[in-house]
Amino acid sequence: TVFSVATWEPIKHFAVSTVDLASLHWSPDGSAIAICDHALDYKLVVYSPDGKQVADYVAYENGMGIRSASWSPSGQMLAVGS
């Protein structure tokens, strides 16, 4: 759920294609949200703030999952660490 900080009212709610959302990371320009799945699944999904899935990344099965993700300052790259 995305909230307005002015009113703390929800402005958008959407389901994500993860088993158990572990973390999320807004892009610097606010145009995307990178969502990492739980610690035992190596999956990252990127959504627009309106809930549209724009990309996904699954490196391999049976890995130990994504430990971190970070946007570059320009928002043009996303580093994913496992």
PDB file of N, CA and C in Angstrom:
ATOM      1  N   THR A   1       0.841  -1.174   0.000  1.00  0.00           N
ATOM      2  CA  THR A   1       0.000   0.000   0.000  1.00  0.00           C
ATOM      3  C   THR A   1       0.885   1.236   0.000  1.00  0.00           C
ATOM      4  N   VAL A   2       0.546   2.191  -0.843  1.00  0.00           N
ATOM      5  CA  VAL A   2       1.254   3.464  -0.913  1.00  0.00           C
ATOM      6  C   VAL A   2       0.388   4.503  -0.213  1.00  0.00           C
ATOM      7  N   PHE A   3       0.995   5.237   0.728  1.00  0.00           N
ATOM      8  CA  PHE A   3       0.267   6.227   1.513  1.00  0.00           C
ATOM      9  C   PHE A   3       0.699   7.646   1.145  1.00  0.00           C
ATOM     10  N   SER A   4      -0.214   8.587   1.268  1.00  0.00           N
ATOM     11  CA  SER A   4       0.104  10.002   1.174  1.00  0.00           C
ATOM     12  C   SER A   4       0.614  10.441   2.542  1.00  0.00           C
ATOM     13  N   VAL A   5       1.796  11.046   2.599  1.00  0.00           N
ATOM     14  CA  VAL A   5       2.308  11.478   3.897  1.00  0.00           C
ATOM     15  C   VAL A   5       1.615  12.743   4.389  1.00  0.00           C
ATOM     16  N   ALA A   6       0.915  13.434   3.516  1.00  0.00           N
ATOM     17  CA  ALA A   6       0.183  14.629   3.934  1.00  0.00           C
ATOM     18  C   ALA A   6      -1.018  14.260   4.806  1.00  0.00           C
ATOM     19  N   THR A   7      -1.676  13.138   4.462  1.00  0.00           N
ATOM     20  CA  THR A   7      -2.908  12.745   5.177  1.00  0.00           C
ATOM     21  C   THR A   7      -2.804  11.367   5.810  1.00  0.00           C
ATOM     22  N   TRP A   8      -1.782  10.593   5.472  1.00  0.00           N
ATOM     23  CA  TRP A   8      -1.605   9.201   5.889  1.00  0.00           C
ATOM     24  C   TRP A   8      -2.755   8.318   5.436  1.00  0.00           C
ATOM     25  N   GLU A   9      -3.408   8.743   4.362  1.00  0.00           N
ATOM     26  CA  GLU A   9      -4.453   7.943   3.732  1.00  0.00           C
ATOM     27  C   GLU A   9      -3.819   7.110   2.626  1.00  0.00           C
ATOM     28  N   PRO A  10      -4.301   5.867   2.451  1.00  0.00           N
ATOM     29  CA  PRO A  10      -3.778   5.061   1.333  1.00  0.00           C
ATOM     30  C   PRO A  10      -4.215   5.671   0.005  1.00  0.00           C
ATOM     31  N   ILE A  11      -3.269   5.757  -0.934  1.00  0.00           N
ATOM     32  CA  ILE A  11      -3.606   6.283  -2.252  1.00  0.00           C
ATOM     33  C   ILE A  11      -3.532   5.206  -3.335  1.00  0.00           C
ATOM     34  N   LYS A  12      -2.860   4.091  -3.034  1.00  0.00           N
ATOM     35  CA  LYS A  12      -2.783   2.982  -3.989  1.00  0.00           C
ATOM     36  C   LYS A  12      -2.464   1.696  -3.235  1.00  0.00           C
ATOM     37  N   HIS A  13      -3.159   0.643  -3.607  1.00  0.00           N
ATOM     38  CA  HIS A  13      -2.890  -0.686  -3.048  1.00  0.00           C
ATOM     39  C   HIS A  13      -2.833  -1.660  -4.203  1.00  0.00           C
ATOM     40  N   PHE A  14      -1.809  -2.500  -4.231  1.00  0.00           N
ATOM     41  CA  PHE A  14      -1.723  -3.516  -5.277  1.00  0.00           C
ATOM     42  C   PHE A  14      -1.001  -4.744  -4.745  1.00  0.00           C
ATOM     43  N   ALA A  15      -1.369  -5.885  -5.283  1.00  0.00           N
ATOM     44  CA  ALA A  15      -0.718  -7.145  -4.921  1.00  0.00           C
ATOM     45  C   ALA A  15       0.606  -7.244  -5.665  1.00  0.00           C
ATOM     46  N   VAL A  16       1.575  -7.910  -5.051  1.00  0.00           N
ATOM     47  CA  VAL A  16       2.869  -8.118  -5.682  1.00  0.00           C
ATOM     48  C   VAL A  16       3.083  -9.608  -5.918  1.00  0.00           C
ATOM     49  N   SER A  17       3.920  -9.917  -6.892  1.00  0.00           N
ATOM     50  CA  SER A  17       4.132 -11.319  -7.268  1.00  0.00           C
ATOM     51  C   SER A  17       5.313 -11.925  -6.526  1.00  0.00           C
ATOM     52  N   THR A  18       5.281 -11.818  -5.209  1.00  0.00           N
ATOM     53  CA  THR A  18       6.316 -12.433  -4.380  1.00  0.00           C
ATOM     54  C   THR A  18       5.647 -13.390  -3.403  1.00  0.00           C
ATOM     55  N   VAL A  19       6.434 -14.290  -2.854  1.00  0.00           N
ATOM     56  CA  VAL A  19       5.928 -15.211  -1.846  1.00  0.00           C
ATOM     57  C   VAL A  19       5.778 -14.471  -0.520  1.00  0.00           C
ATOM     58  N   ASP A  20       6.820 -13.711  -0.160  1.00  0.00           N
ATOM     59  CA  ASP A  20       6.831 -12.981   1.103  1.00  0.00           C
ATOM     60  C   ASP A  20       7.741 -11.773   0.949  1.00  0.00           C
ATOM     61  N   LEU A  21       7.173 -10.620   0.655  1.00  0.00           N
ATOM     62  CA  LEU A  21       7.941  -9.405   0.412  1.00  0.00           C
ATOM     63  C   LEU A  21       8.903  -9.143   1.570  1.00  0.00           C
ATOM     64  N   ALA A  22      10.188  -9.026   1.251  1.00  0.00           N
ATOM     65  CA  ALA A  22      11.202  -8.823   2.280  1.00  0.00           C
ATOM     66  C   ALA A  22      11.634  -7.362   2.389  1.00  0.00           C
ATOM     67  N   SER A  23      11.716  -6.667   1.251  1.00  0.00           N
ATOM     68  CA  SER A  23      12.121  -5.264   1.281  1.00  0.00           C
ATOM     69  C   SER A  23      11.669  -4.577   0.000  1.00  0.00           C
ATOM     70  N   LEU A  24      11.595  -3.252   0.083  1.00  0.00           N
ATOM     71  CA  LEU A  24      11.290  -2.478  -1.115  1.00  0.00           C
ATOM     72  C   LEU A  24      12.167  -1.245  -1.145  1.00  0.00           C
ATOM     73  N   HIS A  25      12.423  -0.764  -2.359  1.00  0.00           N
ATOM     74  CA  HIS A  25      13.362   0.335  -2.558  1.00  0.00           C
ATOM     75  C   HIS A  25      12.812   1.261  -3.640  1.00  0.00           C
ATOM     76  N   TRP A  26      12.492   2.503  -3.287  1.00  0.00           N
ATOM     77  CA  TRP A  26      12.038   3.497  -4.252  1.00  0.00           C
ATOM     78  C   TRP A  26      13.217   3.952  -5.099  1.00  0.00           C
ATOM     79  N   SER A  27      12.974   4.154  -6.383  1.00  0.00           N
ATOM     80  CA  SER A  27      14.005   4.744  -7.235  1.00  0.00           C
ATOM     81  C   SER A  27      14.168   6.216  -6.855  1.00  0.00           C
ATOM     82  N   PRO A  28      15.341   6.802  -7.103  1.00  0.00           N
ATOM     83  CA  PRO A  28      15.572   8.192  -6.708  1.00  0.00           C
ATOM     84  C   PRO A  28      14.567   9.184  -7.280  1.00  0.00           C
ATOM     85  N   ASP A  29      14.066   8.920  -8.483  1.00  0.00           N
ATOM     86  CA  ASP A  29      13.110   9.851  -9.081  1.00  0.00           C
ATOM     87  C   ASP A  29      11.656   9.498  -8.789  1.00  0.00           C
ATOM     88  N   GLY A  30      11.441   8.432  -8.005  1.00  0.00           N
ATOM     89  CA  GLY A  30      10.083   8.047  -7.626  1.00  0.00           C
ATOM     90  C   GLY A  30       9.288   7.334  -8.705  1.00  0.00           C
ATOM     91  N   SER A  31       9.945   6.950  -9.789  1.00  0.00           N
ATOM     92  CA  SER A  31       9.225   6.328 -10.900  1.00  0.00           C
ATOM     93  C   SER A  31       9.083   4.821 -10.791  1.00  0.00           C
ATOM     94  N   ALA A  32       9.781   4.203  -9.830  1.00  0.00           N
ATOM     95  CA  ALA A  32       9.760   2.740  -9.724  1.00  0.00           C
ATOM     96  C   ALA A  32       9.989   2.306  -8.280  1.00  0.00           C
ATOM     97  N   ILE A  33       9.484   1.109  -7.981  1.00  0.00           N
ATOM     98  CA  ILE A  33       9.682   0.495  -6.673  1.00  0.00           C
ATOM     99  C   ILE A  33      10.240  -0.906  -6.921  1.00  0.00           C
ATOM    100  N   ALA A  34      11.446  -1.170  -6.423  1.00  0.00           N
ATOM    101  CA  ALA A  34      12.050  -2.499  -6.539  1.00  0.00           C
ATOM    102  C   ALA A  34      11.682  -3.292  -5.291  1.00  0.00           C
ATOM    103  N   ILE A  35      11.142  -4.483  -5.489  1.00  0.00           N
ATOM    104  CA  ILE A  35      10.683  -5.316  -4.382  1.00  0.00           C
ATOM    105  C   ILE A  35      11.444  -6.632  -4.389  1.00  0.00           C
ATOM    106  N   CYS A  36      12.055  -6.955  -3.255  1.00  0.00           N
ATOM    107  CA  CYS A  36      12.798  -8.206  -3.096  1.00  0.00           C
ATOM    108  C   CYS A  36      11.926  -9.227  -2.384  1.00  0.00           C
ATOM    109  N   ASP A  37      11.973 -10.463  -2.856  1.00  0.00           N
ATOM    110  CA  ASP A  37      11.236 -11.548  -2.228  1.00  0.00           C
ATOM    111  C   ASP A  37      11.959 -11.998  -0.964  1.00  0.00           C
ATOM    112  N   HIS A  38      11.429 -12.997  -0.292  1.00  0.00           N
ATOM    113  CA  HIS A  38      11.985 -13.463   0.983  1.00  0.00           C
ATOM    114  C   HIS A  38      13.405 -13.997   0.831  1.00  0.00           C
ATOM    115  N   ALA A  39      14.052 -14.225   1.940  1.00  0.00           N
ATOM    116  CA  ALA A  39      15.479 -14.557   1.975  1.00  0.00           C
ATOM    117  C   ALA A  39      15.844 -15.857   1.265  1.00  0.00           C
ATOM    118  N   LEU A  40      14.898 -16.733   1.016  1.00  0.00           N
ATOM    119  CA  LEU A  40      15.221 -18.004   0.370  1.00  0.00           C
ATOM    120  C   LEU A  40      14.850 -18.032  -1.111  1.00  0.00           C
ATOM    121  N   ASP A  41      14.404 -16.907  -1.646  1.00  0.00           N
ATOM    122  CA  ASP A  41      14.011 -16.851  -3.050  1.00  0.00           C
ATOM    123  C   ASP A  41      14.786 -15.723  -3.725  1.00  0.00           C
ATOM    124  N   TYR A  42      15.438 -16.004  -4.826  1.00  0.00           N
ATOM    125  CA  TYR A  42      16.250 -15.022  -5.520  1.00  0.00           C
ATOM    126  C   TYR A  42      15.393 -14.350  -6.576  1.00  0.00           C
ATOM    127  N   LYS A  43      14.519 -13.442  -6.137  1.00  0.00           N
ATOM    128  CA  LYS A  43      13.591 -12.784  -7.059  1.00  0.00           C
ATOM    129  C   LYS A  43      13.475 -11.313  -6.704  1.00  0.00           C
ATOM    130  N   LEU A  44      13.538 -10.462  -7.729  1.00  0.00           N
ATOM    131  CA  LEU A  44      13.340  -9.038  -7.580  1.00  0.00           C
ATOM    132  C   LEU A  44      12.320  -8.615  -8.636  1.00  0.00           C
ATOM    133  N   VAL A  45      11.342  -7.841  -8.239  1.00  0.00           N
ATOM    134  CA  VAL A  45      10.309  -7.374  -9.151  1.00  0.00           C
ATOM    135  C   VAL A  45      10.254  -5.855  -9.058  1.00  0.00           C
ATOM    136  N   VAL A  46      10.124  -5.187 -10.200  1.00  0.00           N
ATOM    137  CA  VAL A  46      10.041  -3.733 -10.222  1.00  0.00           C
ATOM    138  C   VAL A  46       8.646  -3.329 -10.677  1.00  0.00           C
ATOM    139  N   TYR A  47       8.051  -2.415  -9.909  1.00  0.00           N
ATOM    140  CA  TYR A  47       6.710  -1.900 -10.198  1.00  0.00           C
ATOM    141  C   TYR A  47       6.755  -0.394 -10.369  1.00  0.00           C
ATOM    142  N   SER A  48       5.814   0.131 -11.150  1.00  0.00           N
ATOM    143  CA  SER A  48       5.595   1.575 -11.157  1.00  0.00           C
ATOM    144  C   SER A  48       4.748   1.892  -9.928  1.00  0.00           C
ATOM    145  N   PRO A  49       4.725   3.131  -9.464  1.00  0.00           N
ATOM    146  CA  PRO A  49       3.936   3.468  -8.269  1.00  0.00           C
ATOM    147  C   PRO A  49       2.438   3.199  -8.405  1.00  0.00           C
ATOM    148  N   ASP A  50       1.950   3.065  -9.636  1.00  0.00           N
ATOM    149  CA  ASP A  50       0.531   2.760  -9.817  1.00  0.00           C
ATOM    150  C   ASP A  50       0.238   1.261  -9.801  1.00  0.00           C
ATOM    151  N   GLY A  51       1.268   0.443  -9.562  1.00  0.00           N
ATOM    152  CA  GLY A  51       1.076  -0.995  -9.402  1.00  0.00           C
ATOM    153  C   GLY A  51       1.349  -1.841 -10.624  1.00  0.00           C
ATOM    154  N   LYS A  52       1.767  -1.242 -11.711  1.00  0.00           N
ATOM    155  CA  LYS A  52       2.074  -2.011 -12.921  1.00  0.00           C
ATOM    156  C   LYS A  52       3.466  -2.619 -12.806  1.00  0.00           C
ATOM    157  N   GLN A  53       3.563  -3.941 -13.023  1.00  0.00           N
ATOM    158  CA  GLN A  53       4.864  -4.607 -13.013  1.00  0.00           C
ATOM    159  C   GLN A  53       5.597  -4.231 -14.287  1.00  0.00           C
ATOM    160  N   VAL A  54       6.821  -3.713 -14.142  1.00  0.00           N
ATOM    161  CA  VAL A  54       7.584  -3.279 -15.308  1.00  0.00           C
ATOM    162  C   VAL A  54       8.802  -4.147 -15.583  1.00  0.00           C
ATOM    163  N   ALA A  55       9.249  -4.925 -14.599  1.00  0.00           N
ATOM    164  CA  ALA A  55      10.403  -5.806 -14.804  1.00  0.00           C
ATOM    165  C   ALA A  55      10.454  -6.834 -13.684  1.00  0.00           C
ATOM    166  N   ASP A  56      11.137  -7.938 -13.970  1.00  0.00           N
ATOM    167  CA  ASP A  56      11.423  -8.903 -12.910  1.00  0.00           C
ATOM    168  C   ASP A  56      12.773  -9.540 -13.190  1.00  0.00           C
ATOM    169  N   TYR A  57      13.373 -10.047 -12.140  1.00  0.00           N
ATOM    170  CA  TYR A  57      14.687 -10.659 -12.249  1.00  0.00           C
ATOM    171  C   TYR A  57      14.737 -11.850 -11.314  1.00  0.00           C
ATOM    172  N   VAL A  58      15.035 -13.014 -11.879  1.00  0.00           N
ATOM    173  CA  VAL A  58      15.232 -14.235 -11.101  1.00  0.00           C
ATOM    174  C   VAL A  58      16.549 -14.815 -11.576  1.00  0.00           C
ATOM    175  N   ALA A  59      17.541 -14.808 -10.701  1.00  0.00           N
ATOM    176  CA  ALA A  59      18.877 -15.247 -11.111  1.00  0.00           C
ATOM    177  C   ALA A  59      18.978 -16.755 -11.213  1.00  0.00           C
ATOM    178  N   TYR A  60      18.576 -17.446 -10.183  1.00  0.00           N
ATOM    179  CA  TYR A  60      18.687 -18.894 -10.168  1.00  0.00           C
ATOM    180  C   TYR A  60      17.821 -19.438  -9.038  1.00  0.00           C
ATOM    181  N   GLU A  61      17.468 -20.711  -9.156  1.00  0.00           N
ATOM    182  CA  GLU A  61      16.707 -21.358  -8.099  1.00  0.00           C
ATOM    183  C   GLU A  61      17.665 -21.908  -7.050  1.00  0.00           C
ATOM    184  N   ASN A  62      17.154 -22.148  -5.874  1.00  0.00           N
ATOM    185  CA  ASN A  62      17.913 -22.737  -4.777  1.00  0.00           C
ATOM    186  C   ASN A  62      19.070 -21.865  -4.297  1.00  0.00           C
ATOM    187  N   GLY A  63      18.996 -20.571  -4.522  1.00  0.00           N
ATOM    188  CA  GLY A  63      19.998 -19.651  -3.990  1.00  0.00           C
ATOM    189  C   GLY A  63      19.580 -19.199  -2.609  1.00  0.00           C
ATOM    190  N   MET A  64      20.383 -18.375  -2.011  1.00  0.00           N
ATOM    191  CA  MET A  64      20.066 -17.868  -0.672  1.00  0.00           C
ATOM    192  C   MET A  64      19.337 -16.536  -0.712  1.00  0.00           C
ATOM    193  N   GLY A  65      18.873 -16.144  -1.831  1.00  0.00           N
ATOM    194  CA  GLY A  65      18.058 -14.944  -1.931  1.00  0.00           C
ATOM    195  C   GLY A  65      18.855 -13.673  -2.089  1.00  0.00           C
ATOM    196  N   ILE A  66      18.124 -12.591  -2.258  1.00  0.00           N
ATOM    197  CA  ILE A  66      18.719 -11.276  -2.418  1.00  0.00           C
ATOM    198  C   ILE A  66      18.969 -10.694  -1.035  1.00  0.00           C
ATOM    199  N   ARG A  67      20.164 -10.236  -0.800  1.00  0.00           N
ATOM    200  CA  ARG A  67      20.518  -9.645   0.496  1.00  0.00           C
ATOM    201  C   ARG A  67      20.378  -8.131   0.476  1.00  0.00           C
ATOM    202  N   SER A  68      20.578  -7.526  -0.695  1.00  0.00           N
ATOM    203  CA  SER A  68      20.456  -6.077  -0.779  1.00  0.00           C
ATOM    204  C   SER A  68      20.168  -5.660  -2.211  1.00  0.00           C
ATOM    205  N   ALA A  69      19.592  -4.478  -2.336  1.00  0.00           N
ATOM    206  CA  ALA A  69      19.353  -3.865  -3.640  1.00  0.00           C
ATOM    207  C   ALA A  69      19.460  -2.361  -3.437  1.00  0.00           C
ATOM    208  N   SER A  70      20.066  -1.690  -4.401  1.00  0.00           N
ATOM    209  CA  SER A  70      20.256  -0.252  -4.263  1.00  0.00           C
ATOM    210  C   SER A  70      20.254   0.405  -5.633  1.00  0.00           C
ATOM    211  N   TRP A  71      19.477   1.479  -5.759  1.00  0.00           N
ATOM    212  CA  TRP A  71      19.436   2.259  -6.995  1.00  0.00           C
ATOM    213  C   TRP A  71      20.678   3.146  -7.063  1.00  0.00           C
ATOM    214  N   SER A  72      21.162   3.391  -8.249  1.00  0.00           N
ATOM    215  CA  SER A  72      22.217   4.382  -8.440  1.00  0.00           C
ATOM    216  C   SER A  72      21.616   5.770  -8.185  1.00  0.00           C
ATOM    217  N   PRO A  73      22.447   6.759  -7.884  1.00  0.00           N
ATOM    218  CA  PRO A  73      21.907   8.096  -7.622  1.00  0.00           C
ATOM    219  C   PRO A  73      21.054   8.649  -8.770  1.00  0.00           C
ATOM    220  N   SER A  74      21.388   8.281  -9.994  1.00  0.00           N
ATOM    221  CA  SER A  74      20.624   8.759 -11.157  1.00  0.00           C
ATOM    222  C   SER A  74      19.340   7.960 -11.368  1.00  0.00           C
ATOM    223  N   GLY A  75      19.250   6.769 -10.740  1.00  0.00           N
ATOM    224  CA  GLY A  75      18.089   5.895 -10.945  1.00  0.00           C
ATOM    225  C   GLY A  75      18.144   5.115 -12.236  1.00  0.00           C
ATOM    226  N   GLN A  76      19.270   5.181 -12.950  1.00  0.00           N
ATOM    227  CA  GLN A  76      19.405   4.482 -14.224  1.00  0.00           C
ATOM    228  C   GLN A  76      19.883   3.047 -14.073  1.00  0.00           C
ATOM    229  N   MET A  77      20.398   2.690 -12.875  1.00  0.00           N
ATOM    230  CA  MET A  77      20.882   1.332 -12.618  1.00  0.00           C
ATOM    231  C   MET A  77      20.407   0.869 -11.257  1.00  0.00           C
ATOM    232  N   LEU A  78      20.271  -0.438 -11.128  1.00  0.00           N
ATOM    233  CA  LEU A  78      19.878  -1.049  -9.867  1.00  0.00           C
ATOM    234  C   LEU A  78      20.858  -2.179  -9.573  1.00  0.00           C
ATOM    235  N   ALA A  79      21.585  -2.076  -8.479  1.00  0.00           N
ATOM    236  CA  ALA A  79      22.532  -3.119  -8.089  1.00  0.00           C
ATOM    237  C   ALA A  79      21.797  -4.126  -7.181  1.00  0.00           C
ATOM    238  N   VAL A  80      22.041  -5.403  -7.426  1.00  0.00           N
ATOM    239  CA  VAL A  80      21.404  -6.465  -6.662  1.00  0.00           C
ATOM    240  C   VAL A  80      22.493  -7.362  -6.095  1.00  0.00           C
ATOM    241  N   GLY A  81      22.476  -7.543  -4.776  1.00  0.00           N
ATOM    242  CA  GLY A  81      23.495  -8.379  -4.132  1.00  0.00           C
ATOM    243  C   GLY A  81      22.896  -9.578  -3.453  1.00  0.00           C
ATOM    244  N   SER A  82      23.591 -10.702  -3.570  1.00  0.00           N
ATOM    245  CA  SER A  82      23.106 -11.930  -2.924  1.00  0.00           C
ATOM    246  C   SER A  82      24.177 -12.520  -2.049  1.00  0.00           C
TER     247      SER A  82
END
